[in-house]
Amino acid sequence: MLIASMNQKSFPNILVVMIQPDVANQVTTEKQSIVRISDQADQTIGYNFLAIDQLLPELQFNGVQALSVADVATLNQALEAAGFTPDLVADETPHIVVGYVQECDVHPDSDHMHVTQTQIAPDQTVQIVCGAANIAQGQKVIVATVGTVMPEGKIIWPGQLRGVQSDGMICAAREIGVEGAPAKGIMVLPDDWEVGQAVTTDAVAALLK
């Protein structure tokens, strides 16, 4: 997982790269205009590249950055040159995809949540807790996988909901940025949509017309 973003107004010329969720107790180490953020066990959380224009001058806009394999290779070269371990891995896979709800059971500690086993790729099924009233077994749904940055800026990390592990989010159309979509309930997709394919706001908006 790799999430890169820039905020030119607040932090000019800094690329923020995250590969793990934030933790309360962090350790920072700065070398050659690169700051490594790690946890108490020395696991890398991410990096701040403080002079990104010297490495990737084409990154000029705010928001989430879609880094190519070549971009990530450049960042790893800079990490190695600074004395850090080059541990960034490019992530070009789609993060908002078609999922298939294989199982849907009542949450053991909630009167409205369900625990699903949801297929998000031909060879990958994950557990996702969903609070929507219209979730059901056998549906094709929109899934924001771990590492997704939602339109409002929320990052989907692995976590627990009422004590049950959840690795992703089953989404309503509005949650992925479809204007005018219903506010409640997850979006149920047609049965002929392929599991694992990328879901775009335009394609979903066309279904709602």
Protein backbone atom coordinates (compact mmCIF):
# COMPACT_ATOMS: atom_id res chain seq x y z
CA MET A 1 0.00 0.00 0.00
CA LEU A 2 1.28 3.46 -0.88
CA ILE A 3 -0.61 6.75 -0.53
CA ALA A 4 1.07 9.96 -1.68
CA SER A 5 -0.33 13.46 -1.35
CA MET A 6 0.61 17.13 -1.50
CA ASN A 7 -0.81 20.29 0.07
CA GLN A 8 1.00 23.15 -1.59
CA LYS A 9 -0.79 25.81 0.46
CA SER A 10 0.04 24.42 3.90
CA PHE A 11 3.25 22.49 3.13
CA PRO A 12 4.88 23.84 -0.04
CA ASN A 13 7.17 21.45 -1.91
CA ILE A 14 6.54 18.48 0.39
CA LEU A 15 5.36 15.07 -0.75
CA VAL A 16 3.79 13.02 2.04
CA VAL A 17 3.96 9.26 1.51
CA MET A 18 2.12 6.81 3.79
CA ILE A 19 2.50 3.03 3.77
CA GLN A 20 0.94 2.26 7.18
CA PRO A 21 -1.72 3.91 9.39
CA ASP A 22 -0.66 6.64 11.80
CA VAL A 23 0.09 5.71 15.41
CA ALA A 24 0.13 7.87 18.52
CA ASN A 25 3.81 7.40 19.40
CA GLN A 26 5.97 8.14 16.37
CA VAL A 27 9.70 8.40 15.78
CA THR A 28 11.04 10.78 13.14
CA THR A 29 14.45 10.68 11.51
CA GLU A 30 15.62 13.29 9.00
CA LYS A 31 18.39 12.77 6.45
CA GLN A 32 19.07 14.84 3.33
CA SER A 33 15.63 16.51 3.13
CA ILE A 34 13.78 13.26 3.78
CA VAL A 35 11.94 12.57 7.03
CA ARG A 36 11.17 8.96 7.91
CA ILE A 37 8.23 8.37 10.27
CA SER A 38 8.22 5.07 12.13
CA ASP A 39 6.56 3.44 15.12
CA GLN A 40 8.15 2.32 18.36
CA ALA A 41 9.01 -1.05 16.77
CA ASP A 42 10.88 0.74 13.95
CA GLN A 43 8.27 -0.15 11.33
CA THR A 44 8.04 2.53 8.63
CA ILE A 45 4.78 4.50 8.62
CA GLY A 46 5.79 6.84 5.84
CA TYR A 47 8.08 9.58 4.59
CA ASN A 48 8.01 13.32 4.02
CA PHE A 49 10.09 14.34 1.01
CA LEU A 50 10.87 17.97 1.87
CA ALA A 51 12.23 19.08 -1.52
CA ILE A 52 10.15 17.06 -3.92
CA ASP A 53 10.74 19.47 -6.81
CA GLN A 54 14.32 18.18 -6.95
CA LEU A 55 13.10 14.59 -7.40
CA LEU A 56 9.74 14.80 -9.17
CA PRO A 57 9.30 18.36 -10.47
CA GLU A 58 6.15 17.40 -12.39
CA LEU A 59 4.20 17.02 -9.12
CA GLN A 60 2.66 20.46 -8.89
CA PHE A 61 -0.96 19.97 -7.90
CA ASN A 62 -2.70 19.47 -4.56
CA GLY A 63 -4.31 16.26 -3.40
CA VAL A 64 -3.59 12.59 -3.89
CA GLN A 65 -0.74 11.86 -6.31
CA ALA A 66 -0.87 8.90 -8.69
CA LEU A 67 2.76 7.82 -8.62
CA SER A 68 4.04 5.64 -11.45
CA VAL A 69 6.48 2.77 -11.08
CA ALA A 70 9.20 5.11 -12.34
CA ASP A 71 8.22 7.78 -9.78
CA VAL A 72 8.45 5.29 -6.93
CA ALA A 73 11.81 4.07 -8.23
CA THR A 74 13.07 7.66 -8.09
CA LEU A 75 11.89 8.02 -4.49
CA ASN A 76 13.56 4.73 -3.54
CA GLN A 77 16.82 5.90 -5.09
CA ALA A 78 16.61 9.06 -2.97
CA LEU A 79 15.91 7.00 0.16
CA GLU A 80 18.91 4.77 -0.49
CA ALA A 81 21.15 7.76 -1.20
CA ALA A 82 20.09 9.29 2.12
CA GLY A 83 20.85 6.10 4.03
CA PHE A 84 17.31 4.82 4.43
CA THR A 85 16.01 1.43 3.32
CA PRO A 86 14.29 1.83 -0.09
CA ASP A 87 11.05 0.18 1.00
CA LEU A 88 8.42 1.88 -1.16
CA VAL A 89 6.39 -0.35 -3.48
CA ALA A 90 4.42 1.13 -6.37
CA ASP A 91 0.66 0.58 -6.24
CA GLU A 92 -1.11 0.99 -9.57
CA THR A 93 -4.06 -1.30 -8.80
CA PRO A 94 -7.57 0.20 -8.75
CA HIS A 95 -8.88 0.78 -5.23
CA ILE A 96 -12.60 1.29 -5.85
CA VAL A 97 -13.74 -1.97 -7.38
CA VAL A 98 -16.65 -4.31 -7.92
CA GLY A 99 -17.10 -6.74 -5.05
CA TYR A 100 -19.31 -9.79 -4.60
CA VAL A 101 -20.88 -10.50 -1.20
CA GLN A 102 -20.32 -14.23 -0.72
CA GLU A 103 -21.54 -14.32 2.88
CA CYS A 104 -23.47 -11.88 5.04
CA ASP A 105 -23.99 -12.58 8.74
CA VAL A 106 -25.37 -10.56 11.63
CA HIS A 107 -22.67 -8.74 13.62
CA PRO A 108 -22.28 -10.45 17.03
CA ASP A 109 -22.29 -7.11 18.89
CA SER A 110 -24.59 -4.88 16.84
CA ASP A 111 -28.29 -4.77 16.01
CA HIS A 112 -27.74 -3.22 12.58
CA MET A 113 -24.27 -4.16 11.31
CA HIS A 114 -23.43 -7.22 9.23
CA VAL A 115 -20.15 -9.09 8.76
CA THR A 116 -19.53 -9.96 5.14
CA GLN A 117 -17.07 -12.09 3.25
CA THR A 118 -16.68 -10.08 0.06
CA GLN A 119 -14.72 -11.11 -3.00
CA ILE A 120 -12.77 -8.15 -4.42
CA ALA A 121 -10.67 -10.00 -7.02
CA PRO A 122 -10.78 -13.46 -8.61
CA ASP A 123 -8.30 -14.69 -6.00
CA GLN A 124 -9.04 -12.42 -3.03
CA THR A 125 -11.85 -12.36 -0.48
CA VAL A 126 -11.84 -10.01 2.51
CA GLN A 127 -13.97 -9.51 5.60
CA ILE A 128 -15.85 -6.22 5.62
CA VAL A 129 -18.26 -4.98 8.28
CA CYS A 130 -21.18 -3.05 6.78
CA GLY A 131 -23.87 -1.03 8.52
CA ALA A 132 -26.17 -0.49 5.54
CA ALA A 133 -29.68 -1.87 5.94
CA ASN A 134 -29.81 -3.14 2.35
CA ILE A 135 -26.64 -5.27 2.39
CA ALA A 136 -27.31 -8.91 1.48
CA GLN A 137 -25.59 -12.09 0.35
CA GLY A 138 -25.27 -12.47 -3.42
CA GLN A 139 -24.99 -8.78 -4.26
CA LYS A 140 -22.46 -7.09 -6.52
CA VAL A 141 -21.34 -3.95 -4.64
CA ILE A 142 -18.86 -1.08 -4.72
CA VAL A 143 -15.86 -1.75 -2.48
CA ALA A 144 -13.24 0.77 -1.38
CA THR A 145 -10.27 -1.48 -0.64
CA VAL A 146 -7.61 -0.89 1.99
CA GLY A 147 -5.49 2.07 0.90
CA THR A 148 -8.31 3.96 -0.81
CA VAL A 149 -8.44 7.72 -0.32
CA MET A 150 -12.12 8.68 -0.38
CA PRO A 151 -13.28 11.93 -2.03
CA GLU A 152 -13.57 13.72 1.33
CA GLY A 153 -10.01 12.69 2.25
CA LYS A 154 -10.76 9.73 4.53
CA ILE A 155 -8.29 6.85 4.14
CA ILE A 156 -9.56 3.27 4.30
CA TRP A 157 -7.27 1.33 6.63
CA PRO A 158 -7.67 -2.12 8.19
CA GLY A 159 -9.53 -1.81 11.47
CA GLN A 160 -12.24 -3.12 13.74
CA LEU A 161 -15.90 -2.19 14.06
CA ARG A 162 -17.40 -3.21 17.39
CA GLY A 163 -14.62 -5.72 17.87
CA VAL A 164 -14.79 -7.36 14.44
CA GLN A 165 -12.02 -7.00 11.85
CA SER A 166 -12.95 -5.05 8.71
CA ASP A 167 -10.66 -4.69 5.70
CA GLY A 168 -12.39 -2.29 3.35
CA MET A 169 -15.66 -0.42 2.94
CA ILE A 170 -18.80 -1.31 1.01
CA CYS A 171 -19.96 1.99 -0.42
CA ALA A 172 -22.98 4.03 -1.32
CA ALA A 173 -22.75 5.82 -4.65
CA ARG A 174 -22.55 9.20 -2.91
CA GLU A 175 -19.58 8.04 -0.84
CA ILE A 176 -17.46 7.61 -3.98
CA GLY A 177 -18.43 11.06 -5.24
CA VAL A 178 -21.53 10.48 -7.41
CA GLU A 179 -23.48 13.73 -7.21
CA GLY A 180 -27.21 13.46 -6.56
CA ALA A 181 -27.00 9.82 -5.48
CA PRO A 182 -29.17 8.57 -2.59
CA ALA A 183 -27.74 9.35 0.84
CA LYS A 184 -28.68 6.03 2.44
CA GLY A 185 -27.95 2.44 1.51
CA ILE A 186 -25.12 0.84 -0.40
CA MET A 187 -25.14 0.82 -4.20
CA VAL A 188 -26.10 -2.58 -5.60
CA LEU A 189 -24.53 -3.16 -9.01
CA PRO A 190 -25.81 -5.24 -11.95
CA ASP A 191 -24.96 -8.94 -11.83
CA ASP A 192 -22.96 -8.75 -15.06
CA TRP A 193 -20.34 -6.40 -13.61
CA GLU A 194 -17.02 -8.22 -13.20
CA VAL A 195 -15.56 -8.70 -9.74
CA GLY A 196 -12.35 -6.72 -9.31
CA GLN A 197 -12.94 -4.26 -12.16
CA ALA A 198 -12.47 -0.57 -11.39
CA VAL A 199 -15.62 1.39 -10.59
CA THR A 200 -15.86 4.97 -11.87
CA THR A 201 -18.26 7.69 -10.79
CA ASP A 202 -19.38 8.14 -14.41
CA ALA A 203 -20.34 4.48 -14.77
CA VAL A 204 -22.29 4.52 -11.51
CA ALA A 205 -23.98 7.82 -12.36
CA ALA A 206 -25.15 6.29 -15.65
CA LEU A 207 -26.88 3.49 -13.71
CA LEU A 208 -28.80 6.03 -11.64
CA LYS A 209 -30.22 7.95 -14.59
